[in-house]
Amino acid sequence: MRILGLDPSLASTGWGVIEVEANRMTYVADGFIKTDPKLSLPERLTLIHRVLEEVINTYQPEEAAIEQVFLNDNPKSTIKLGMARGVVILAPALHGIPVTEYEPTLIKKAVVGVGRAEKQQVEMMVKVLLPGCHPKNNDSSDALAMAIAHNTYRKTGFLRR
């Protein structure tokens, strides 16, 4: 089973792919899609979609996981994040890949064991759980954490689609 984790953002969308065989997880790849704030919103969203299409075609994931988003203080930022998130959900969905959403605390709990873990703790545990993995940045580390959490919850039958 190949799982694609996604951390949506208009500025830098993270992605990470893991392979699961029986109870063993292995690192496949990770990266991030940085967009230039000088580009128009449609150009930035198109870039995110185009790169995710390449990732999906290259790594052929069977399932995808994404973090649920909560509102923040800036309505404009929330709307832009929602647009980026829509593109990130759409990319695997267009390939018939099921996308499951998880609350941030559930992701942290699955990876670290504590729902209020710090980003550094999450990144450290990603490296422990996926030997040989050196995430490109925080966004790709978070995406890998989503893939790990999805693997944990899919085995227990706890899915949020």
N, C-alpha and C. Protein backbone atom coordinates (compact mmCIF):
# COMPACT_ATOMS: atom_id res chain seq x y z
N MET A 1 0.85 -1.18 0.00
CA MET A 1 0.00 0.00 0.00
C MET A 1 0.89 1.24 0.00
N ARG A 2 0.65 2.12 -0.92
CA ARG A 2 1.41 3.37 -1.01
C ARG A 2 0.48 4.52 -0.59
N ILE A 3 0.96 5.34 0.36
CA ILE A 3 0.15 6.42 0.92
C ILE A 3 0.82 7.77 0.66
N LEU A 4 0.02 8.73 0.21
CA LEU A 4 0.46 10.09 -0.04
C LEU A 4 -0.08 10.99 1.07
N GLY A 5 0.82 11.63 1.81
CA GLY A 5 0.43 12.61 2.81
C GLY A 5 0.55 13.99 2.20
N LEU A 6 -0.40 14.87 2.54
CA LEU A 6 -0.43 16.21 1.95
C LEU A 6 -0.61 17.27 3.03
N ASP A 7 0.21 18.31 2.96
CA ASP A 7 0.12 19.45 3.87
C ASP A 7 -0.12 20.70 3.03
N PRO A 8 -1.40 21.08 2.83
CA PRO A 8 -1.71 22.16 1.91
C PRO A 8 -1.36 23.55 2.43
N SER A 9 -0.89 24.37 1.52
CA SER A 9 -0.59 25.77 1.80
C SER A 9 -0.43 26.47 0.47
N LEU A 10 -0.81 27.71 0.39
CA LEU A 10 -0.62 28.45 -0.85
C LEU A 10 0.86 28.78 -1.04
N ALA A 11 1.57 28.99 0.05
CA ALA A 11 2.99 29.35 -0.04
C ALA A 11 3.89 28.15 -0.27
N SER A 12 3.64 27.04 0.45
CA SER A 12 4.51 25.87 0.36
C SER A 12 3.72 24.61 0.75
N THR A 13 3.21 23.91 -0.24
CA THR A 13 2.46 22.68 0.00
C THR A 13 3.43 21.52 0.14
N GLY A 14 3.34 20.82 1.26
CA GLY A 14 4.20 19.66 1.49
C GLY A 14 3.55 18.38 1.01
N TRP A 15 4.38 17.44 0.55
CA TRP A 15 3.89 16.12 0.17
C TRP A 15 4.91 15.07 0.61
N GLY A 16 4.40 13.89 0.93
CA GLY A 16 5.27 12.80 1.35
C GLY A 16 4.63 11.47 1.00
N VAL A 17 5.45 10.54 0.57
CA VAL A 17 4.95 9.22 0.17
C VAL A 17 5.65 8.15 0.99
N ILE A 18 4.84 7.22 1.54
CA ILE A 18 5.39 6.08 2.24
C ILE A 18 4.82 4.80 1.63
N GLU A 19 5.55 3.72 1.83
CA GLU A 19 5.12 2.39 1.39
C GLU A 19 4.85 1.57 2.65
N VAL A 20 3.75 0.83 2.65
CA VAL A 20 3.41 -0.01 3.80
C VAL A 20 3.26 -1.45 3.32
N GLU A 21 4.03 -2.34 3.94
CA GLU A 21 3.92 -3.77 3.70
C GLU A 21 3.79 -4.44 5.05
N ALA A 22 2.68 -5.14 5.26
CA ALA A 22 2.38 -5.76 6.54
C ALA A 22 2.42 -4.67 7.61
N ASN A 23 3.32 -4.77 8.58
CA ASN A 23 3.43 -3.74 9.63
C ASN A 23 4.64 -2.84 9.44
N ARG A 24 5.24 -2.88 8.28
CA ARG A 24 6.47 -2.12 8.03
C ARG A 24 6.21 -0.92 7.13
N MET A 25 6.61 0.25 7.61
CA MET A 25 6.52 1.47 6.81
C MET A 25 7.91 1.82 6.30
N THR A 26 7.99 2.23 5.05
CA THR A 26 9.26 2.70 4.50
C THR A 26 9.05 4.03 3.79
N TYR A 27 10.07 4.84 3.87
CA TYR A 27 10.07 6.14 3.21
C TYR A 27 10.25 5.94 1.71
N VAL A 28 9.45 6.66 0.91
CA VAL A 28 9.58 6.62 -0.54
C VAL A 28 10.12 7.95 -1.05
N ALA A 29 9.43 9.05 -0.73
CA ALA A 29 9.85 10.36 -1.23
C ALA A 29 9.11 11.46 -0.49
N ASP A 30 9.63 12.67 -0.58
CA ASP A 30 8.94 13.84 -0.03
C ASP A 30 9.41 15.08 -0.76
N GLY A 31 8.67 16.13 -0.59
CA GLY A 31 9.02 17.40 -1.21
C GLY A 31 8.01 18.46 -0.84
N PHE A 32 8.18 19.62 -1.45
CA PHE A 32 7.26 20.72 -1.21
C PHE A 32 7.13 21.53 -2.49
N ILE A 33 6.00 22.21 -2.59
CA ILE A 33 5.71 23.02 -3.77
C ILE A 33 5.66 24.47 -3.32
N LYS A 34 6.74 25.17 -3.57
CA LYS A 34 6.82 26.58 -3.19
C LYS A 34 6.29 27.42 -4.33
N THR A 35 5.37 28.33 -4.01
CA THR A 35 4.84 29.21 -5.04
C THR A 35 5.32 30.63 -4.80
N ASP A 36 5.50 31.36 -5.86
CA ASP A 36 5.97 32.74 -5.81
C ASP A 36 4.78 33.66 -5.51
N PRO A 37 4.84 34.42 -4.40
CA PRO A 37 3.73 35.30 -4.06
C PRO A 37 3.48 36.39 -5.11
N LYS A 38 4.43 36.59 -6.01
CA LYS A 38 4.25 37.59 -7.07
C LYS A 38 3.33 37.07 -8.18
N LEU A 39 3.15 35.75 -8.24
CA LEU A 39 2.25 35.17 -9.25
C LEU A 39 0.80 35.42 -8.84
N SER A 40 -0.09 35.37 -9.81
CA SER A 40 -1.52 35.51 -9.51
C SER A 40 -2.00 34.26 -8.77
N LEU A 41 -3.11 34.40 -8.10
CA LEU A 41 -3.68 33.26 -7.37
C LEU A 41 -3.94 32.07 -8.31
N PRO A 42 -4.56 32.28 -9.48
CA PRO A 42 -4.76 31.14 -10.38
C PRO A 42 -3.45 30.48 -10.82
N GLU A 43 -2.40 31.28 -11.03
CA GLU A 43 -1.11 30.70 -11.42
C GLU A 43 -0.52 29.86 -10.30
N ARG A 44 -0.66 30.32 -9.07
CA ARG A 44 -0.13 29.58 -7.93
C ARG A 44 -0.89 28.26 -7.73
N LEU A 45 -2.21 28.31 -7.86
CA LEU A 45 -3.02 27.10 -7.71
C LEU A 45 -2.73 26.11 -8.84
N THR A 46 -2.52 26.63 -10.03
CA THR A 46 -2.18 25.77 -11.18
C THR A 46 -0.85 25.07 -10.94
N LEU A 47 0.12 25.79 -10.42
CA LEU A 47 1.43 25.20 -10.13
C LEU A 47 1.30 24.06 -9.12
N ILE A 48 0.54 24.30 -8.06
CA ILE A 48 0.33 23.26 -7.05
C ILE A 48 -0.29 22.03 -7.69
N HIS A 49 -1.32 22.23 -8.49
CA HIS A 49 -1.98 21.10 -9.14
C HIS A 49 -1.05 20.36 -10.09
N ARG A 50 -0.30 21.10 -10.90
CA ARG A 50 0.59 20.49 -11.88
C ARG A 50 1.65 19.62 -11.20
N VAL A 51 2.25 20.13 -10.13
CA VAL A 51 3.29 19.36 -9.44
C VAL A 51 2.68 18.13 -8.76
N LEU A 52 1.51 18.29 -8.14
CA LEU A 52 0.88 17.12 -7.51
C LEU A 52 0.52 16.06 -8.54
N GLU A 53 0.13 16.48 -9.73
CA GLU A 53 -0.13 15.51 -10.81
C GLU A 53 1.15 14.71 -11.10
N GLU A 54 2.28 15.40 -11.16
CA GLU A 54 3.56 14.72 -11.41
C GLU A 54 3.88 13.75 -10.28
N VAL A 55 3.67 14.18 -9.04
CA VAL A 55 3.94 13.33 -7.88
C VAL A 55 3.07 12.07 -7.94
N ILE A 56 1.79 12.26 -8.21
CA ILE A 56 0.86 11.12 -8.27
C ILE A 56 1.24 10.18 -9.41
N ASN A 57 1.55 10.73 -10.56
CA ASN A 57 1.92 9.88 -11.70
C ASN A 57 3.23 9.15 -11.46
N THR A 58 4.16 9.79 -10.77
CA THR A 58 5.46 9.17 -10.50
C THR A 58 5.37 8.08 -9.43
N TYR A 59 4.67 8.35 -8.33
CA TYR A 59 4.71 7.45 -7.17
C TYR A 59 3.47 6.55 -7.04
N GLN A 60 2.43 6.81 -7.80
CA GLN A 60 1.25 5.94 -7.86
C GLN A 60 0.68 5.58 -6.47
N PRO A 61 0.34 6.59 -5.65
CA PRO A 61 -0.24 6.26 -4.34
C PRO A 61 -1.64 5.65 -4.49
N GLU A 62 -2.01 4.85 -3.50
CA GLU A 62 -3.33 4.21 -3.51
C GLU A 62 -4.32 4.93 -2.60
N GLU A 63 -3.79 5.66 -1.61
CA GLU A 63 -4.62 6.42 -0.69
C GLU A 63 -3.89 7.71 -0.36
N ALA A 64 -4.65 8.72 0.09
CA ALA A 64 -4.06 10.01 0.45
C ALA A 64 -4.65 10.50 1.77
N ALA A 65 -3.88 11.29 2.49
CA ALA A 65 -4.32 11.86 3.76
C ALA A 65 -3.98 13.34 3.79
N ILE A 66 -4.87 14.12 4.39
CA ILE A 66 -4.70 15.56 4.48
C ILE A 66 -5.19 16.03 5.85
N GLU A 67 -4.58 17.10 6.34
CA GLU A 67 -4.97 17.65 7.62
C GLU A 67 -6.23 18.49 7.47
N GLN A 68 -7.15 18.36 8.43
CA GLN A 68 -8.31 19.24 8.47
C GLN A 68 -7.84 20.63 8.83
N VAL A 69 -8.49 21.63 8.29
CA VAL A 69 -8.09 23.01 8.53
C VAL A 69 -9.11 23.68 9.44
N PHE A 70 -8.58 24.45 10.36
CA PHE A 70 -9.43 25.24 11.23
C PHE A 70 -9.24 26.70 10.86
N LEU A 71 -10.25 27.50 11.14
CA LEU A 71 -10.17 28.92 10.82
C LEU A 71 -9.07 29.60 11.60
N ASN A 72 -8.42 30.56 10.96
CA ASN A 72 -7.45 31.36 11.70
C ASN A 72 -7.98 32.79 11.79
N ASP A 73 -7.18 33.69 12.33
CA ASP A 73 -7.65 35.05 12.61
C ASP A 73 -7.83 35.90 11.35
N ASN A 74 -7.13 35.57 10.28
CA ASN A 74 -7.17 36.38 9.08
C ASN A 74 -8.09 35.73 8.04
N PRO A 75 -9.27 36.33 7.80
CA PRO A 75 -10.21 35.73 6.84
C PRO A 75 -9.63 35.56 5.44
N LYS A 76 -8.82 36.52 4.97
CA LYS A 76 -8.22 36.40 3.63
C LYS A 76 -7.29 35.20 3.56
N SER A 77 -6.49 35.01 4.58
CA SER A 77 -5.59 33.86 4.62
C SER A 77 -6.37 32.55 4.66
N THR A 78 -7.45 32.53 5.42
CA THR A 78 -8.28 31.33 5.52
C THR A 78 -8.87 30.97 4.16
N ILE A 79 -9.34 31.97 3.44
CA ILE A 79 -9.93 31.73 2.12
C ILE A 79 -8.87 31.21 1.15
N LYS A 80 -7.69 31.82 1.15
CA LYS A 80 -6.62 31.38 0.25
C LYS A 80 -6.17 29.96 0.60
N LEU A 81 -6.07 29.66 1.88
CA LEU A 81 -5.72 28.31 2.29
C LEU A 81 -6.79 27.32 1.83
N GLY A 82 -8.05 27.73 1.95
CA GLY A 82 -9.15 26.87 1.50
C GLY A 82 -9.05 26.58 0.01
N MET A 83 -8.66 27.57 -0.78
CA MET A 83 -8.50 27.35 -2.22
C MET A 83 -7.36 26.38 -2.50
N ALA A 84 -6.23 26.57 -1.83
CA ALA A 84 -5.09 25.66 -2.01
C ALA A 84 -5.48 24.25 -1.57
N ARG A 85 -6.20 24.17 -0.48
CA ARG A 85 -6.63 22.88 0.04
C ARG A 85 -7.55 22.18 -0.95
N GLY A 86 -8.43 22.93 -1.58
CA GLY A 86 -9.31 22.36 -2.59
C GLY A 86 -8.54 21.74 -3.74
N VAL A 87 -7.50 22.44 -4.20
CA VAL A 87 -6.66 21.92 -5.28
C VAL A 87 -5.94 20.66 -4.82
N VAL A 88 -5.45 20.68 -3.59
CA VAL A 88 -4.70 19.53 -3.05
C VAL A 88 -5.60 18.31 -2.89
N ILE A 89 -6.85 18.52 -2.52
CA ILE A 89 -7.80 17.40 -2.41
C ILE A 89 -8.20 16.91 -3.80
N LEU A 90 -8.37 17.85 -4.72
CA LEU A 90 -8.81 17.51 -6.06
C LEU A 90 -7.81 16.64 -6.82
N ALA A 91 -6.53 16.92 -6.67
CA ALA A 91 -5.50 16.20 -7.45
C ALA A 91 -5.61 14.68 -7.27
N PRO A 92 -5.57 14.14 -6.06
CA PRO A 92 -5.72 12.68 -5.94
C PRO A 92 -7.13 12.21 -6.29
N ALA A 93 -8.14 13.01 -5.96
CA ALA A 93 -9.52 12.61 -6.25
C ALA A 93 -9.73 12.40 -7.75
N LEU A 94 -9.10 13.22 -8.58
CA LEU A 94 -9.22 13.07 -10.03
C LEU A 94 -8.64 11.74 -10.52
N HIS A 95 -7.77 11.15 -9.72
CA HIS A 95 -7.16 9.85 -10.06
C HIS A 95 -7.88 8.69 -9.38
N GLY A 96 -9.00 8.99 -8.72
CA GLY A 96 -9.75 7.94 -8.03
C GLY A 96 -9.11 7.50 -6.73
N ILE A 97 -8.20 8.31 -6.20
CA ILE A 97 -7.50 7.98 -4.95
C ILE A 97 -8.33 8.53 -3.78
N PRO A 98 -8.74 7.68 -2.85
CA PRO A 98 -9.50 8.17 -1.70
C PRO A 98 -8.65 9.10 -0.84
N VAL A 99 -9.27 10.19 -0.38
CA VAL A 99 -8.60 11.18 0.45
C VAL A 99 -9.28 11.19 1.81
N THR A 100 -8.49 11.03 2.87
CA THR A 100 -9.00 11.02 4.24
C THR A 100 -8.45 12.23 4.98
N GLU A 101 -9.32 12.87 5.77
CA GLU A 101 -8.92 14.05 6.53
C GLU A 101 -8.75 13.71 8.00
N TYR A 102 -7.76 14.33 8.64
CA TYR A 102 -7.51 14.11 10.06
C TYR A 102 -7.30 15.43 10.78
N GLU A 103 -7.79 15.50 12.00
CA GLU A 103 -7.54 16.67 12.84
C GLU A 103 -6.06 16.69 13.21
N PRO A 104 -5.48 17.88 13.37
CA PRO A 104 -4.06 17.98 13.72
C PRO A 104 -3.68 17.19 14.98
N THR A 105 -4.55 17.21 15.97
CA THR A 105 -4.22 16.48 17.21
C THR A 105 -4.17 14.97 16.99
N LEU A 106 -5.01 14.47 16.08
CA LEU A 106 -4.98 13.03 15.79
C LEU A 106 -3.70 12.63 15.07
N ILE A 107 -3.22 13.51 14.20
CA ILE A 107 -1.97 13.24 13.48
C ILE A 107 -0.81 13.19 14.48
N LYS A 108 -0.75 14.19 15.34
CA LYS A 108 0.33 14.24 16.34
C LYS A 108 0.26 13.05 17.29
N LYS A 109 -0.95 12.68 17.68
CA LYS A 109 -1.10 11.54 18.59
C LYS A 109 -0.62 10.25 17.94
N ALA A 110 -0.92 10.06 16.65
CA ALA A 110 -0.51 8.84 15.95
C ALA A 110 1.00 8.78 15.77
N VAL A 111 1.63 9.93 15.58
CA VAL A 111 3.06 9.95 15.29
C VAL A 111 3.91 10.06 16.55
N VAL A 112 3.50 10.93 17.47
CA VAL A 112 4.30 11.20 18.67
C VAL A 112 3.73 10.52 19.91
N GLY A 113 2.42 10.32 19.92
CA GLY A 113 1.77 9.75 21.11
C GLY A 113 1.09 10.80 21.95
N VAL A 114 1.25 12.08 21.56
CA VAL A 114 0.66 13.20 22.29
C VAL A 114 0.02 14.15 21.28
N GLY A 115 -1.24 14.50 21.51
CA GLY A 115 -1.96 15.35 20.57
C GLY A 115 -1.52 16.79 20.52
N ARG A 116 -0.76 17.22 21.49
CA ARG A 116 -0.29 18.62 21.53
C ARG A 116 1.22 18.71 21.30
N ALA A 117 1.77 17.77 20.61
CA ALA A 117 3.23 17.74 20.37
C ALA A 117 3.67 18.95 19.54
N GLU A 118 4.91 19.33 19.74
CA GLU A 118 5.51 20.43 18.98
C GLU A 118 5.97 19.93 17.61
N LYS A 119 6.13 20.86 16.67
CA LYS A 119 6.58 20.50 15.31
C LYS A 119 7.90 19.73 15.32
N GLN A 120 8.83 20.14 16.19
CA GLN A 120 10.13 19.48 16.25
C GLN A 120 9.99 18.02 16.69
N GLN A 121 9.07 17.77 17.62
CA GLN A 121 8.83 16.40 18.08
C GLN A 121 8.26 15.55 16.95
N VAL A 122 7.36 16.13 16.17
CA VAL A 122 6.76 15.41 15.05
C VAL A 122 7.84 15.07 14.02
N GLU A 123 8.67 16.05 13.68
CA GLU A 123 9.72 15.80 12.69
C GLU A 123 10.71 14.75 13.18
N MET A 124 11.06 14.79 14.46
CA MET A 124 11.98 13.80 15.01
C MET A 124 11.39 12.39 14.91
N MET A 125 10.09 12.26 15.24
CA MET A 125 9.46 10.94 15.19
C MET A 125 9.28 10.46 13.75
N VAL A 126 9.07 11.36 12.81
CA VAL A 126 9.00 10.97 11.40
C VAL A 126 10.31 10.31 11.01
N LYS A 127 11.42 10.91 11.43
CA LYS A 127 12.75 10.35 11.10
C LYS A 127 12.97 9.00 11.79
N VAL A 128 12.44 8.84 12.99
CA VAL A 128 12.57 7.57 13.71
C VAL A 128 11.73 6.48 13.05
N LEU A 129 10.50 6.83 12.70
CA LEU A 129 9.58 5.85 12.13
C LEU A 129 9.89 5.50 10.67
N LEU A 130 10.60 6.41 9.99
CA LEU A 130 10.97 6.18 8.59
C LEU A 130 12.49 6.30 8.46
N PRO A 131 13.23 5.26 8.84
CA PRO A 131 14.69 5.31 8.79
C PRO A 131 15.21 5.72 7.40
N GLY A 132 16.20 6.58 7.43
CA GLY A 132 16.79 7.05 6.18
C GLY A 132 16.09 8.26 5.60
N CYS A 133 15.03 8.68 6.25
CA CYS A 133 14.25 9.82 5.78
C CYS A 133 14.86 11.12 6.32
N HIS A 134 15.06 12.08 5.43
CA HIS A 134 15.52 13.42 5.80
C HIS A 134 14.61 14.42 5.10
N PRO A 135 13.46 14.75 5.73
CA PRO A 135 12.48 15.61 5.08
C PRO A 135 13.10 16.91 4.56
N LYS A 136 12.59 17.35 3.41
CA LYS A 136 13.12 18.55 2.75
C LYS A 136 12.87 19.82 3.57
N ASN A 137 11.72 19.89 4.24
CA ASN A 137 11.41 21.03 5.12
C ASN A 137 10.26 20.63 6.05
N ASN A 138 9.77 21.58 6.85
CA ASN A 138 8.68 21.29 7.80
C ASN A 138 7.40 20.84 7.10
N ASP A 139 7.14 21.41 5.93
CA ASP A 139 5.92 21.05 5.21
C ASP A 139 5.95 19.61 4.74
N SER A 140 7.08 19.17 4.22
CA SER A 140 7.17 17.78 3.77
C SER A 140 7.21 16.83 4.98
N SER A 141 7.80 17.26 6.07
CA SER A 141 7.79 16.46 7.29
C SER A 141 6.36 16.28 7.80
N ASP A 142 5.58 17.36 7.79
CA ASP A 142 4.18 17.27 8.21
C ASP A 142 3.39 16.36 7.28
N ALA A 143 3.69 16.41 5.99
CA ALA A 143 3.00 15.54 5.02
C ALA A 143 3.32 14.07 5.29
N LEU A 144 4.58 13.78 5.58
CA LEU A 144 4.95 12.41 5.93
C LEU A 144 4.25 11.97 7.21
N ALA A 145 4.13 12.88 8.18
CA ALA A 145 3.41 12.56 9.42
C ALA A 145 1.96 12.21 9.12
N MET A 146 1.35 12.90 8.16
CA MET A 146 -0.03 12.59 7.79
C MET A 146 -0.14 11.20 7.19
N ALA A 147 0.83 10.85 6.37
CA ALA A 147 0.84 9.51 5.77
C ALA A 147 1.00 8.44 6.86
N ILE A 148 1.89 8.69 7.82
CA ILE A 148 2.09 7.76 8.93
C ILE A 148 0.80 7.63 9.75
N ALA A 149 0.18 8.77 10.06
CA ALA A 149 -1.06 8.74 10.84
C ALA A 149 -2.15 7.99 10.08
N HIS A 150 -2.23 8.20 8.80
CA HIS A 150 -3.24 7.50 8.00
C HIS A 150 -3.01 5.99 8.07
N ASN A 151 -1.78 5.58 7.98
CA ASN A 151 -1.49 4.15 8.09
C ASN A 151 -1.93 3.61 9.46
N THR A 152 -1.67 4.36 10.51
CA THR A 152 -2.06 3.94 11.85
C THR A 152 -3.57 3.80 11.96
N TYR A 153 -4.30 4.81 11.51
CA TYR A 153 -5.75 4.81 11.67
C TYR A 153 -6.45 3.87 10.70
N ARG A 154 -5.89 3.65 9.52
CA ARG A 154 -6.55 2.73 8.57
C ARG A 154 -6.48 1.30 9.10
N LYS A 155 -5.42 1.00 9.85
CA LYS A 155 -5.30 -0.36 10.42
C LYS A 155 -6.31 -0.57 11.54
N THR A 156 -6.70 0.51 12.23
CA THR A 156 -7.65 0.39 13.33
C THR A 156 -9.09 0.55 12.86
N GLY A 157 -9.28 0.89 11.58
CA GLY A 157 -10.61 1.10 11.05
C GLY A 157 -11.16 2.49 11.33
N PHE A 158 -10.31 3.40 11.83
CA PHE A 158 -10.71 4.75 12.15
C PHE A 158 -10.36 5.67 10.98
N LEU A 159 -11.28 5.85 10.05
CA LEU A 159 -11.03 6.71 8.90
C LEU A 159 -12.02 7.85 8.88
N ARG A 160 -11.59 9.03 8.43
CA ARG A 160 -12.47 10.20 8.34
C ARG A 160 -12.49 10.68 6.90
N ARG A 161 -13.36 10.14 6.11
CA ARG A 161 -13.45 10.58 4.71
C ARG A 161 -14.57 11.57 4.56
